[in-house]
PDB file of N, CA and C in Angstrom:
ATOM      1  N   UNK A   1     -10.486 260.734 114.769  1.00  0.00           N
ATOM      2  CA  UNK A   1      -9.249 260.012 114.585  1.00  0.00           C
ATOM      3  C   UNK A   1      -8.049 260.953 114.595  1.00  0.00           C
ATOM      4  N   UNK A   2      -8.220 262.169 114.083  1.00  0.00           N
ATOM      5  CA  UNK A   2      -7.095 263.096 114.028  1.00  0.00           C
ATOM      6  C   UNK A   2      -6.723 263.647 115.398  1.00  0.00           C
ATOM      7  N   UNK A   3      -7.715 263.919 116.233  1.00  0.00           N
ATOM      8  CA  UNK A   3      -7.421 264.487 117.554  1.00  0.00           C
ATOM      9  C   UNK A   3      -6.529 263.572 118.386  1.00  0.00           C
ATOM     10  N   UNK A   4      -6.830 262.280 118.530  1.00  0.00           N
ATOM     11  CA  UNK A   4      -5.922 261.420 119.308  1.00  0.00           C
ATOM     12  C   UNK A   4      -4.509 261.346 118.727  1.00  0.00           C
ATOM     13  N   UNK A   5      -4.385 261.436 117.419  1.00  0.00           N
ATOM     14  CA  UNK A   5      -3.052 261.412 116.818  1.00  0.00           C
ATOM     15  C   UNK A   5      -2.242 262.593 117.330  1.00  0.00           C
ATOM     16  N   UNK A   6      -2.835 263.798 117.292  1.00  0.00           N
ATOM     17  CA  UNK A   6      -2.079 264.990 117.669  1.00  0.00           C
ATOM     18  C   UNK A   6      -2.059 265.239 119.171  1.00  0.00           C
ATOM     19  N   UNK A   7      -2.829 264.488 119.924  1.00  0.00           N
ATOM     20  CA  UNK A   7      -2.722 264.538 121.380  1.00  0.00           C
ATOM     21  C   UNK A   7      -1.807 263.426 121.888  1.00  0.00           C
ATOM     22  N   UNK A   8      -1.218 262.657 120.965  1.00  0.00           N
ATOM     23  CA  UNK A   8      -0.299 261.559 121.284  1.00  0.00           C
ATOM     24  C   UNK A   8      -0.952 260.558 122.225  1.00  0.00           C
ATOM     25  N   UNK A   9      -2.208 260.253 121.953  1.00  0.00           N
ATOM     26  CA  UNK A   9      -2.931 259.248 122.713  1.00  0.00           C
ATOM     27  C   UNK A   9      -2.999 257.975 121.878  1.00  0.00           C
ATOM     28  N   UNK A  10      -3.624 256.967 122.414  1.00  0.00           N
ATOM     29  CA  UNK A  10      -3.793 255.722 121.670  1.00  0.00           C
ATOM     30  C   UNK A  10      -4.645 255.975 120.434  1.00  0.00           C
ATOM     31  N   UNK A  11      -4.228 255.409 119.333  1.00  0.00           N
ATOM     32  CA  UNK A  11      -5.037 255.483 118.128  1.00  0.00           C
ATOM     33  C   UNK A  11      -4.697 254.288 117.252  1.00  0.00           C
ATOM     34  N   UNK A  12      -5.636 253.932 116.425  1.00  0.00           N
ATOM     35  CA  UNK A  12      -5.429 252.804 115.525  1.00  0.00           C
ATOM     36  C   UNK A  12      -4.726 253.288 114.269  1.00  0.00           C
ATOM     37  N   UNK A  13      -3.638 252.660 113.948  1.00  0.00           N
ATOM     38  CA  UNK A  13      -2.934 252.936 112.703  1.00  0.00           C
ATOM     39  C   UNK A  13      -2.209 251.658 112.332  1.00  0.00           C
ATOM     40  N   UNK A  14      -2.942 250.742 111.825  1.00  0.00           N
ATOM     41  CA  UNK A  14      -2.341 249.464 111.476  1.00  0.00           C
ATOM     42  C   UNK A  14      -1.977 249.413 110.024  1.00  0.00           C
ATOM     43  N   UNK A  15      -1.993 248.228 109.511  1.00  0.00           N
ATOM     44  CA  UNK A  15      -1.755 248.062 108.089  1.00  0.00           C
ATOM     45  C   UNK A  15      -2.952 248.606 107.342  1.00  0.00           C
ATOM     46  N   UNK A  16      -2.706 249.477 106.398  1.00  0.00           N
ATOM     47  CA  UNK A  16      -3.799 250.065 105.645  1.00  0.00           C
ATOM     48  C   UNK A  16      -3.607 249.763 104.159  1.00  0.00           C
ATOM     49  N   UNK A  17      -4.697 249.606 103.495  1.00  0.00           N
ATOM     50  CA  UNK A  17      -4.698 249.416 102.046  1.00  0.00           C
ATOM     51  C   UNK A  17      -5.532 250.534 101.445  1.00  0.00           C
ATOM     52  N   UNK A  18      -5.092 251.049 100.349  1.00  0.00           N
ATOM     53  CA  UNK A  18      -5.851 252.074  99.657  1.00  0.00           C
ATOM     54  C   UNK A  18      -5.584 251.936  98.167  1.00  0.00           C
ATOM     55  N   UNK A  19      -6.489 252.456  97.402  1.00  0.00           N
ATOM     56  CA  UNK A  19      -6.376 252.362  95.950  1.00  0.00           C
ATOM     57  C   UNK A  19      -5.234 253.256  95.471  1.00  0.00           C
ATOM     58  N   UNK A  20      -4.536 252.823  94.470  1.00  0.00           N
ATOM     59  CA  UNK A  20      -3.404 253.569  93.925  1.00  0.00           C
ATOM     60  C   UNK A  20      -3.794 254.996  93.542  1.00  0.00           C
ATOM     61  N   UNK A  21      -5.031 255.194  93.093  1.00  0.00           N
ATOM     62  CA  UNK A  21      -5.461 256.540  92.700  1.00  0.00           C
ATOM     63  C   UNK A  21      -5.434 257.501  93.889  1.00  0.00           C
ATOM     64  N   UNK A  22      -5.724 257.016  95.104  1.00  0.00           N
ATOM     65  CA  UNK A  22      -5.630 257.873  96.289  1.00  0.00           C
ATOM     66  C   UNK A  22      -4.178 258.246  96.559  1.00  0.00           C
ATOM     67  N   UNK A  23      -3.298 257.288  96.451  1.00  0.00           N
ATOM     68  CA  UNK A  23      -1.873 257.527  96.630  1.00  0.00           C
ATOM     69  C   UNK A  23      -1.398 258.604  95.647  1.00  0.00           C
ATOM     70  N   UNK A  24      -1.817 258.491  94.392  1.00  0.00           N
ATOM     71  CA  UNK A  24      -1.440 259.459  93.373  1.00  0.00           C
ATOM     72  C   UNK A  24      -2.081 260.822  93.639  1.00  0.00           C
ATOM     73  N   UNK A  25      -3.353 260.822  94.036  1.00  0.00           N
ATOM     74  CA  UNK A  25      -4.084 262.065  94.303  1.00  0.00           C
ATOM     75  C   UNK A  25      -3.451 262.854  95.445  1.00  0.00           C
ATOM     76  N   UNK A  26      -3.020 262.161  96.482  1.00  0.00           N
ATOM     77  CA  UNK A  26      -2.490 262.830  97.671  1.00  0.00           C
ATOM     78  C   UNK A  26      -0.984 263.026  97.636  1.00  0.00           C
ATOM     79  N   UNK A  27      -0.343 262.560  96.599  1.00  0.00           N
ATOM     80  CA  UNK A  27       1.077 262.799  96.440  1.00  0.00           C
ATOM     81  C   UNK A  27       1.978 261.731  97.021  1.00  0.00           C
ATOM     82  N   UNK A  28       1.440 260.657  97.536  1.00  0.00           N
ATOM     83  CA  UNK A  28       2.266 259.577  98.060  1.00  0.00           C
ATOM     84  C   UNK A  28       3.053 259.986  99.287  1.00  0.00           C
ATOM     85  N   UNK A  29       4.134 259.274  99.541  1.00  0.00           N
ATOM     86  CA  UNK A  29       4.987 259.573 100.690  1.00  0.00           C
ATOM     87  C   UNK A  29       5.820 260.812 100.406  1.00  0.00           C
ATOM     88  N   UNK A  30       5.959 261.649 101.398  1.00  0.00           N
ATOM     89  CA  UNK A  30       6.771 262.851 101.277  1.00  0.00           C
ATOM     90  C   UNK A  30       8.186 262.513 101.719  1.00  0.00           C
ATOM     91  N   UNK A  31       9.064 262.364 100.766  1.00  0.00           N
ATOM     92  CA  UNK A  31      10.432 261.936 101.065  1.00  0.00           C
ATOM     93  C   UNK A  31      11.279 263.043 101.682  1.00  0.00           C
ATOM     94  N   UNK A  32      10.734 264.266 101.786  1.00  0.00           N
ATOM     95  CA  UNK A  32      11.478 265.333 102.456  1.00  0.00           C
ATOM     96  C   UNK A  32      11.388 265.202 103.976  1.00  0.00           C
ATOM     97  N   UNK A  33      10.458 264.403 104.454  1.00  0.00           N
ATOM     98  CA  UNK A  33      10.318 264.203 105.894  1.00  0.00           C
ATOM     99  C   UNK A  33      11.384 263.233 106.392  1.00  0.00           C
ATOM    100  N   UNK A  34      11.994 263.567 107.506  1.00  0.00           N
ATOM    101  CA  UNK A  34      13.004 262.687 108.090  1.00  0.00           C
ATOM    102  C   UNK A  34      12.338 261.516 108.795  1.00  0.00           C
ATOM    103  N   UNK A  35      11.141 261.725 109.321  1.00  0.00           N
ATOM    104  CA  UNK A  35      10.443 260.721 110.119  1.00  0.00           C
ATOM    105  C   UNK A  35       8.949 260.798 109.828  1.00  0.00           C
ATOM    106  N   UNK A  36       8.230 259.756 110.077  1.00  0.00           N
ATOM    107  CA  UNK A  36       6.764 259.722 110.055  1.00  0.00           C
ATOM    108  C   UNK A  36       6.141 259.963 108.683  1.00  0.00           C
ATOM    109  N   UNK A  37       6.794 259.485 107.632  1.00  0.00           N
ATOM    110  CA  UNK A  37       6.224 259.634 106.294  1.00  0.00           C
ATOM    111  C   UNK A  37       4.882 258.931 106.183  1.00  0.00           C
ATOM    112  N   UNK A  38       4.782 257.767 106.830  1.00  0.00           N
ATOM    113  CA  UNK A  38       3.527 257.021 106.787  1.00  0.00           C
ATOM    114  C   UNK A  38       2.433 257.740 107.557  1.00  0.00           C
ATOM    115  N   UNK A  39       2.782 258.337 108.694  1.00  0.00           N
ATOM    116  CA  UNK A  39       1.787 259.071 109.475  1.00  0.00           C
ATOM    117  C   UNK A  39       1.323 260.311 108.730  1.00  0.00           C
ATOM    118  N   UNK A  40       2.223 260.980 108.035  1.00  0.00           N
ATOM    119  CA  UNK A  40       1.856 262.136 107.217  1.00  0.00           C
ATOM    120  C   UNK A  40       0.848 261.732 106.146  1.00  0.00           C
ATOM    121  N   UNK A  41       1.101 260.622 105.461  1.00  0.00           N
ATOM    122  CA  UNK A  41       0.165 260.148 104.442  1.00  0.00           C
ATOM    123  C   UNK A  41      -1.176 259.782 105.074  1.00  0.00           C
ATOM    124  N   UNK A  42      -1.132 259.128 106.215  1.00  0.00           N
ATOM    125  CA  UNK A  42      -2.358 258.744 106.916  1.00  0.00           C
ATOM    126  C   UNK A  42      -3.181 259.984 107.292  1.00  0.00           C
ATOM    127  N   UNK A  43      -2.514 261.028 107.784  1.00  0.00           N
ATOM    128  CA  UNK A  43      -3.196 262.273 108.137  1.00  0.00           C
ATOM    129  C   UNK A  43      -3.811 262.900 106.893  1.00  0.00           C
ATOM    130  N   UNK A  44      -3.077 262.906 105.788  1.00  0.00           N
ATOM    131  CA  UNK A  44      -3.622 263.473 104.548  1.00  0.00           C
ATOM    132  C   UNK A  44      -4.824 262.680 104.048  1.00  0.00           C
ATOM    133  N   UNK A  45      -4.799 261.356 104.214  1.00  0.00           N
ATOM    134  CA  UNK A  45      -5.963 260.540 103.846  1.00  0.00           C
ATOM    135  C   UNK A  45      -7.185 260.950 104.677  1.00  0.00           C
ATOM    136  N   UNK A  46      -6.983 261.128 105.977  1.00  0.00           N
ATOM    137  CA  UNK A  46      -8.087 261.505 106.854  1.00  0.00           C
ATOM    138  C   UNK A  46      -8.598 262.911 106.547  1.00  0.00           C
ATOM    139  N   UNK A  47      -7.682 263.858 106.339  1.00  0.00           N
ATOM    140  CA  UNK A  47      -8.087 265.229 106.006  1.00  0.00           C
ATOM    141  C   UNK A  47      -8.920 265.240 104.732  1.00  0.00           C
ATOM    142  N   UNK A  48      -8.551 264.424 103.769  1.00  0.00           N
ATOM    143  CA  UNK A  48      -9.273 264.367 102.494  1.00  0.00           C
ATOM    144  C   UNK A  48     -10.593 263.617 102.608  1.00  0.00           C
ATOM    145  N   UNK A  49     -10.911 263.123 103.810  1.00  0.00           N
ATOM    146  CA  UNK A  49     -12.200 262.463 104.023  1.00  0.00           C
ATOM    147  C   UNK A  49     -12.216 260.982 103.725  1.00  0.00           C
ATOM    148  N   UNK A  50     -11.057 260.390 103.540  1.00  0.00           N
ATOM    149  CA  UNK A  50     -10.986 258.962 103.250  1.00  0.00           C
ATOM    150  C   UNK A  50     -10.794 258.196 104.556  1.00  0.00           C
ATOM    151  N   UNK A  51     -11.897 257.872 105.191  1.00  0.00           N
ATOM    152  CA  UNK A  51     -11.848 257.169 106.466  1.00  0.00           C
ATOM    153  C   UNK A  51     -11.586 255.691 106.244  1.00  0.00           C
ATOM    154  N   UNK A  52     -10.789 255.103 107.125  1.00  0.00           N
ATOM    155  CA  UNK A  52     -10.514 253.679 106.969  1.00  0.00           C
ATOM    156  C   UNK A  52     -11.722 252.827 107.314  1.00  0.00           C
ATOM    157  N   UNK A  53     -11.774 251.672 106.739  1.00  0.00           N
ATOM    158  CA  UNK A  53     -12.789 250.680 107.085  1.00  0.00           C
ATOM    159  C   UNK A  53     -12.084 249.644 107.935  1.00  0.00           C
ATOM    160  N   UNK A  54     -12.603 249.444 109.124  1.00  0.00           N
ATOM    161  CA  UNK A  54     -11.948 248.503 110.036  1.00  0.00           C
ATOM    162  C   UNK A  54     -12.213 247.073 109.606  1.00  0.00           C
ATOM    163  N   UNK A  55     -11.136 246.314 109.525  1.00  0.00           N
ATOM    164  CA  UNK A  55     -11.248 244.903 109.183  1.00  0.00           C
ATOM    165  C   UNK A  55     -11.682 244.092 110.397  1.00  0.00           C
ATOM    166  N   UNK A  56     -11.632 242.805 110.241  1.00  0.00           N
ATOM    167  CA  UNK A  56     -12.102 241.899 111.292  1.00  0.00           C
ATOM    168  C   UNK A  56     -11.105 241.744 112.430  1.00  0.00           C
ATOM    169  N   UNK A  57      -9.932 242.336 112.305  1.00  0.00           N
ATOM    170  CA  UNK A  57      -8.925 242.206 113.356  1.00  0.00           C
ATOM    171  C   UNK A  57      -8.140 243.517 113.495  1.00  0.00           C
ATOM    172  N   UNK A  58      -7.489 243.675 114.622  1.00  0.00           N
ATOM    173  CA  UNK A  58      -6.599 244.811 114.832  1.00  0.00           C
ATOM    174  C   UNK A  58      -5.171 244.296 114.737  1.00  0.00           C
ATOM    175  N   UNK A  59      -4.352 244.976 113.978  1.00  0.00           N
ATOM    176  CA  UNK A  59      -2.976 244.515 113.844  1.00  0.00           C
ATOM    177  C   UNK A  59      -2.105 245.015 114.992  1.00  0.00           C
ATOM    178  N   UNK A  60      -2.353 246.247 115.455  1.00  0.00           N
ATOM    179  CA  UNK A  60      -1.627 246.750 116.616  1.00  0.00           C
ATOM    180  C   UNK A  60      -2.248 248.056 117.088  1.00  0.00           C
ATOM    181  N   UNK A  61      -1.894 248.461 118.288  1.00  0.00           N
ATOM    182  CA  UNK A  61      -2.346 249.716 118.866  1.00  0.00           C
ATOM    183  C   UNK A  61      -1.114 250.571 119.096  1.00  0.00           C
ATOM    184  N   UNK A  62      -1.103 251.763 118.522  1.00  0.00           N
ATOM    185  CA  UNK A  62       0.030 252.670 118.684  1.00  0.00           C
ATOM    186  C   UNK A  62      -0.056 253.282 120.074  1.00  0.00           C
ATOM    187  N   UNK A  63       1.005 253.182 120.826  1.00  0.00           N
ATOM    188  CA  UNK A  63       1.019 253.679 122.194  1.00  0.00           C
ATOM    189  C   UNK A  63       2.299 254.471 122.412  1.00  0.00           C
ATOM    190  N   UNK A  64       2.174 255.718 122.837  1.00  0.00           N
ATOM    191  CA  UNK A  64       3.327 256.558 123.083  1.00  0.00           C
ATOM    192  C   UNK A  64       3.576 256.620 124.578  1.00  0.00           C
ATOM    193  N   UNK A  65       4.805 256.337 124.980  1.00  0.00           N
ATOM    194  CA  UNK A  65       5.192 256.432 126.386  1.00  0.00           C
ATOM    195  C   UNK A  65       6.686 256.703 126.445  1.00  0.00           C
ATOM    196  N   UNK A  66       7.195 257.116 127.589  1.00  0.00           N
ATOM    197  CA  UNK A  66       8.607 257.513 127.667  1.00  0.00           C
ATOM    198  C   UNK A  66       9.599 256.415 127.276  1.00  0.00           C
ATOM    199  N   UNK A  67       9.216 255.148 127.328  1.00  0.00           N
ATOM    200  CA  UNK A  67      10.128 254.071 126.999  1.00  0.00           C
ATOM    201  C   UNK A  67      10.139 253.668 125.546  1.00  0.00           C
ATOM    202  N   UNK A  68       9.358 254.329 124.694  1.00  0.00           N
ATOM    203  CA  UNK A  68       9.338 253.979 123.273  1.00  0.00           C
ATOM    204  C   UNK A  68      10.717 254.204 122.658  1.00  0.00           C
ATOM    205  N   UNK A  69      11.139 253.259 121.869  1.00  0.00           N
ATOM    206  CA  UNK A  69      12.362 253.457 121.101  1.00  0.00           C
ATOM    207  C   UNK A  69      12.145 252.913 119.699  1.00  0.00           C
ATOM    208  N   UNK A  70      12.375 253.743 118.726  1.00  0.00           N
ATOM    209  CA  UNK A  70      12.276 253.358 117.333  1.00  0.00           C
ATOM    210  C   UNK A  70      13.223 254.266 116.565  1.00  0.00           C
ATOM    211  N   UNK A  71      14.325 253.735 116.141  1.00  0.00           N
ATOM    212  CA  UNK A  71      15.360 254.527 115.458  1.00  0.00           C
ATOM    213  C   UNK A  71      15.697 255.788 116.257  1.00  0.00           C
ATOM    214  N   UNK A  72      15.811 255.637 117.580  1.00  0.00           N
ATOM    215  CA  UNK A  72      16.191 256.769 118.414  1.00  0.00           C
ATOM    216  C   UNK A  72      15.059 257.724 118.724  1.00  0.00           C
ATOM    217  N   UNK A  73      13.824 257.329 118.485  1.00  0.00           N
ATOM    218  CA  UNK A  73      12.690 258.210 118.733  1.00  0.00           C
ATOM    219  C   UNK A  73      12.090 257.902 120.095  1.00  0.00           C
ATOM    220  N   UNK A  74      12.091 258.903 120.958  1.00  0.00           N
ATOM    221  CA  UNK A  74      11.450 258.766 122.252  1.00  0.00           C
ATOM    222  C   UNK A  74      10.220 259.676 122.281  1.00  0.00           C
ATOM    223  N   UNK A  75       9.584 259.794 123.425  1.00  0.00           N
ATOM    224  CA  UNK A  75       8.353 260.589 123.527  1.00  0.00           C
ATOM    225  C   UNK A  75       8.603 262.049 123.145  1.00  0.00           C
ATOM    226  N   UNK A  76       9.757 262.592 123.531  1.00  0.00           N
ATOM    227  CA  UNK A  76      10.068 264.001 123.211  1.00  0.00           C
ATOM    228  C   UNK A  76      10.209 264.190 121.697  1.00  0.00           C
ATOM    229  N   UNK A  77      10.912 263.285 121.036  1.00  0.00           N
ATOM    230  CA  UNK A  77      11.086 263.378 119.579  1.00  0.00           C
ATOM    231  C   UNK A  77       9.746 263.184 118.875  1.00  0.00           C
ATOM    232  N   UNK A  78       8.935 262.228 119.370  1.00  0.00           N
ATOM    233  CA  UNK A  78       7.621 262.003 118.769  1.00  0.00           C
ATOM    234  C   UNK A  78       6.779 263.271 118.879  1.00  0.00           C
ATOM    235  N   UNK A  79       6.843 263.935 120.028  1.00  0.00           N
ATOM    236  CA  UNK A  79       6.098 265.177 120.218  1.00  0.00           C
ATOM    237  C   UNK A  79       6.552 266.244 119.229  1.00  0.00           C
ATOM    238  N   UNK A  80       7.861 266.348 119.017  1.00  0.00           N
ATOM    239  CA  UNK A  80       8.388 267.316 118.051  1.00  0.00           C
ATOM    240  C   UNK A  80       7.921 266.976 116.637  1.00  0.00           C
ATOM    241  N   UNK A  81       7.942 265.689 116.289  1.00  0.00           N
ATOM    242  CA  UNK A  81       7.471 265.262 114.970  1.00  0.00           C
ATOM    243  C   UNK A  81       6.000 265.595 114.784  1.00  0.00           C
ATOM    244  N   UNK A  82       5.191 265.374 115.832  1.00  0.00           N
ATOM    245  CA  UNK A  82       3.763 265.700 115.739  1.00  0.00           C
ATOM    246  C   UNK A  82       3.563 267.198 115.537  1.00  0.00           C
ATOM    247  N   UNK A  83       4.352 268.003 116.225  1.00  0.00           N
ATOM    248  CA  UNK A  83       4.252 269.457 116.059  1.00  0.00           C
ATOM    249  C   UNK A  83       4.562 269.872 114.634  1.00  0.00           C
ATOM    250  N   UNK A  84       5.610 269.293 114.067  1.00  0.00           N
ATOM    251  CA  UNK A  84       5.989 269.597 112.689  1.00  0.00           C
ATOM    252  C   UNK A  84       4.909 269.122 111.719  1.00  0.00           C
ATOM    253  N   UNK A  85       4.390 267.933 111.942  1.00  0.00           N
ATOM    254  CA  UNK A  85       3.340 267.392 111.089  1.00  0.00           C
ATOM    255  C   UNK A  85       2.080 268.243 111.175  1.00  0.00           C
ATOM    256  N   UNK A  86       1.723 268.678 112.386  1.00  0.00           N
ATOM    257  CA  UNK A  86       0.536 269.530 112.553  1.00  0.00           C
ATOM    258  C   UNK A  86       0.712 270.825 111.760  1.00  0.00           C
ATOM    259  N   UNK A  87       1.881 271.446 111.866  1.00  0.00           N
ATOM    260  CA  UNK A  87       2.118 272.709 111.165  1.00  0.00           C
ATOM    261  C   UNK A  87       2.002 272.555 109.657  1.00  0.00           C
ATOM    262  N   UNK A  88       2.393 271.408 109.122  1.00  0.00           N
ATOM    263  CA  UNK A  88       2.290 271.160 107.674  1.00  0.00           C
ATOM    264  C   UNK A  88       0.841 271.207 107.203  1.00  0.00           C
ATOM    265  N   UNK A  89      -0.073 270.812 108.088  1.00  0.00           N
ATOM    266  CA  UNK A  89      -1.488 270.698 107.723  1.00  0.00           C
ATOM    267  C   UNK A  89      -2.382 271.547 108.628  1.00  0.00           C
ATOM    268  N   UNK A  90      -1.810 272.568 109.270  1.00  0.00           N
ATOM    269  CA  UNK A  90      -2.507 273.343 110.300  1.00  0.00           C
ATOM    270  C   UNK A  90      -3.825 273.942 109.826  1.00  0.00           C
ATOM    271  N   UNK A  91      -3.875 274.501 108.636  1.00  0.00           N
ATOM    272  CA  UNK A  91      -5.115 275.154 108.199  1.00  0.00           C
ATOM    273  C   UNK A  91      -6.254 274.140 108.074  1.00  0.00           C
ATOM    274  N   UNK A  92      -5.969 272.965 107.546  1.00  0.00           N
ATOM    275  CA  UNK A  92      -6.997 271.931 107.413  1.00  0.00           C
ATOM    276  C   UNK A  92      -7.393 271.369 108.777  1.00  0.00           C
ATOM    277  N   UNK A  93      -6.394 271.092 109.616  1.00  0.00           N
ATOM    278  CA  UNK A  93      -6.668 270.500 110.926  1.00  0.00           C
ATOM    279  C   UNK A  93      -7.446 271.462 111.814  1.00  0.00           C
ATOM    280  N   UNK A  94      -7.061 272.731 111.820  1.00  0.00           N
ATOM    281  CA  UNK A  94      -7.772 273.723 112.624  1.00  0.00           C
ATOM    282  C   UNK A  94      -9.220 273.863 112.150  1.00  0.00           C
ATOM    283  N   UNK A  95      -9.427 273.850 110.838  1.00  0.00           N
ATOM    284  CA  UNK A  95     -10.790 273.945 110.291  1.00  0.00           C
ATOM    285  C   UNK A  95     -11.648 272.754 110.710  1.00  0.00           C
ATOM    286  N   UNK A  96     -11.012 271.600 110.945  1.00  0.00           N
ATOM    287  CA  UNK A  96     -11.729 270.410 111.392  1.00  0.00           C
ATOM    288  C   UNK A  96     -11.876 270.356 112.915  1.00  0.00           C
ATOM    289  N   UNK A  97     -11.325 271.364 113.612  1.00  0.00           N
ATOM    290  CA  UNK A  97     -11.426 271.416 115.067  1.00  0.00           C
ATOM    291  C   UNK A  97     -10.401 270.569 115.799  1.00  0.00           C
ATOM    292  N   UNK A  98      -9.346 270.159 115.109  1.00  0.00           N
ATOM    293  CA  UNK A  98      -8.295 269.353 115.730  1.00  0.00           C
ATOM    294  C   UNK A  98      -7.318 270.305 116.408  1.00  0.00           C
ATOM    295  N   UNK A  99      -7.160 270.193 117.738  1.00  0.00           N
ATOM    296  CA  UNK A  99      -6.245 271.103 118.432  1.00  0.00           C
ATOM    297  C   UNK A  99      -4.788 270.743 118.151  1.00  0.00           C
ATOM    298  N   UNK A 100      -3.894 271.734 118.232  1.00  0.00           N
ATOM    299  CA  UNK A 100      -2.478 271.430 118.023  1.00  0.00           C
ATOM    300  C   UNK A 100      -1.949 270.565 119.163  1.00  0.00           C
ATOM    301  N   UNK A 101      -0.872 269.847 118.919  1.00  0.00           N
ATOM    302  CA  UNK A 101      -0.306 268.999 119.964  1.00  0.00           C
ATOM    303  C   UNK A 101       0.182 269.836 121.145  1.00  0.00           C
ATOM    304  N   UNK A 102       0.144 269.241 122.313  1.00  0.00           N
ATOM    305  CA  UNK A 102       0.663 269.919 123.506  1.00  0.00           C
ATOM    306  C   UNK A 102       2.180 269.918 123.443  1.00  0.00           C
ATOM    307  N   UNK A 103       2.796 270.979 123.917  1.00  0.00           N
ATOM    308  CA  UNK A 103       4.250 271.046 123.962  1.00  0.00           C
ATOM    309  C   UNK A 103       4.692 271.114 125.410  1.00  0.00           C
ATOM    310  N   UNK A 104       5.974 270.785 125.632  1.00  0.00           N
ATOM    311  CA  UNK A 104       6.522 270.811 126.995  1.00  0.00           C
ATOM    312  C   UNK A 104       6.587 272.216 127.531  1.00  0.00           C
TER     313      UNK A 104
END
């Protein structure tokens, strides 16, 4: 699950539910991040070994392409955000064999 995230490929990241104790254990949302606070938390959940359980439906499929727009975020900005996010967790991700995101 981590490799497709950092390769900016399709990956499932829908509505997730988790126990409050996990939120507290992992530190919750990092408000110092300008973007992708939810993705940062999701990555930390995965690094900590808390894999999601897929429900009976998919809420959406995250797809990155040059036409994406979300608060001014395009593919280039998303790539930069992924690079920053990878660096925050590089030692854990590298130990799990997750390659760093590709850069231009």
